[in-house]
Protein backbone atom coordinates (compact mmCIF):
# COMPACT_ATOMS: atom_id res chain seq x y z
CA MET A 1 68.18 44.88 100.79
CA ALA A 2 67.69 43.10 97.49
CA VAL A 3 68.07 39.78 99.31
CA ILE A 4 65.37 40.74 101.80
CA THR A 5 63.01 41.83 99.00
CA ARG A 6 63.64 38.63 97.03
CA PHE A 7 63.07 36.51 100.15
CA LEU A 8 59.81 38.29 100.92
CA SER A 9 58.58 37.91 97.35
CA VAL A 10 59.28 34.17 97.48
CA ILE A 11 57.20 33.63 100.61
CA ASN A 12 54.33 35.57 99.00
CA ILE A 13 53.74 38.35 101.54
CA PRO A 14 51.47 41.17 100.28
CA LEU A 15 53.32 44.12 98.72
CA VAL A 16 52.29 46.62 101.43
CA LEU A 17 53.71 44.44 104.20
CA ARG A 18 56.91 43.91 102.20
CA ALA A 19 57.34 47.65 101.73
CA GLN A 20 56.79 48.31 105.44
CA PHE A 21 59.32 45.63 106.36
CA VAL A 22 61.95 47.00 103.98
CA LEU A 23 61.39 50.58 105.18
CA LYS A 24 61.68 49.46 108.79
CA GLU A 25 64.96 47.67 108.00
CA ILE A 26 66.30 50.78 106.27
CA ALA A 27 65.31 53.00 109.22
CA THR A 28 66.90 50.55 111.67
CA GLY A 29 70.09 50.47 109.61
CA LEU A 30 70.21 54.26 109.49
CA THR A 31 69.75 54.49 113.25
CA ILE A 32 72.51 51.97 113.91
CA SER A 33 74.88 53.76 111.54
CA TRP A 34 74.13 57.14 113.13
CA LEU A 35 74.63 55.68 116.60
CA SER A 36 78.01 54.35 115.46
CA LEU A 37 79.00 57.74 114.04
CA PHE A 38 77.86 59.44 117.24
CA ALA A 39 79.95 57.06 119.36
CA LEU A 40 83.00 57.64 117.16
CA GLU A 41 82.47 61.40 117.39
CA LEU A 42 82.36 61.24 121.20
CA MET A 43 85.58 59.20 121.31
CA ARG A 44 87.46 61.74 119.16
CA PRO A 45 90.28 63.42 121.09
CA GLY A 46 90.10 67.13 121.72
CA ILE A 47 87.10 69.41 121.80
CA VAL A 48 83.98 67.78 120.40
CA SER A 49 82.18 69.91 117.85
CA LEU A 50 78.92 70.97 119.49
CA HIS A 51 77.28 71.76 116.15
CA LEU A 52 77.98 68.28 114.79
CA ASP A 53 76.81 66.64 118.01
CA LEU A 54 73.52 68.56 117.91
CA ASN A 55 73.01 67.48 114.30
CA LEU A 56 73.66 63.85 115.22
CA ILE A 57 71.25 64.04 118.15
CA LEU A 58 68.61 65.52 115.85
CA VAL A 59 69.11 62.74 113.29
CA LEU A 60 68.94 60.09 116.04
CA ALA A 61 65.69 61.58 117.33
CA LEU A 62 64.20 61.68 113.83
CA SER A 63 65.32 58.10 113.15
CA ALA A 64 63.72 56.91 116.40
CA TRP A 65 60.52 58.75 115.47
CA VAL A 66 60.42 57.11 112.01
CA ILE A 67 61.02 53.66 113.52
CA SER A 68 58.23 54.17 116.05
CA ILE A 69 55.82 55.23 113.30
CA LEU A 70 56.76 52.26 111.13
CA GLY A 71 56.42 49.94 114.12
CA LYS A 72 52.90 51.21 114.85
CA LYS A 73 51.86 50.84 111.20
CA ALA A 74 53.31 47.32 110.94
CA THR A 75 51.31 46.02 113.90
């Protein structure tokens, strides 16, 4: 993330746009990591923990909501 911030400061983008870009990248990274965890959880042998799956689905939904809000604000 520091590399992205340094790159954006070099090309002289206003601070608000830089912050939105960095937040969007963080939200995207969180969503990808949660999707990976969810896929690993589904591939686990045996009975899948319903409680954990519901928590992961909730986090995925919240991550998608945050990304959609950031996408609307960035455009």
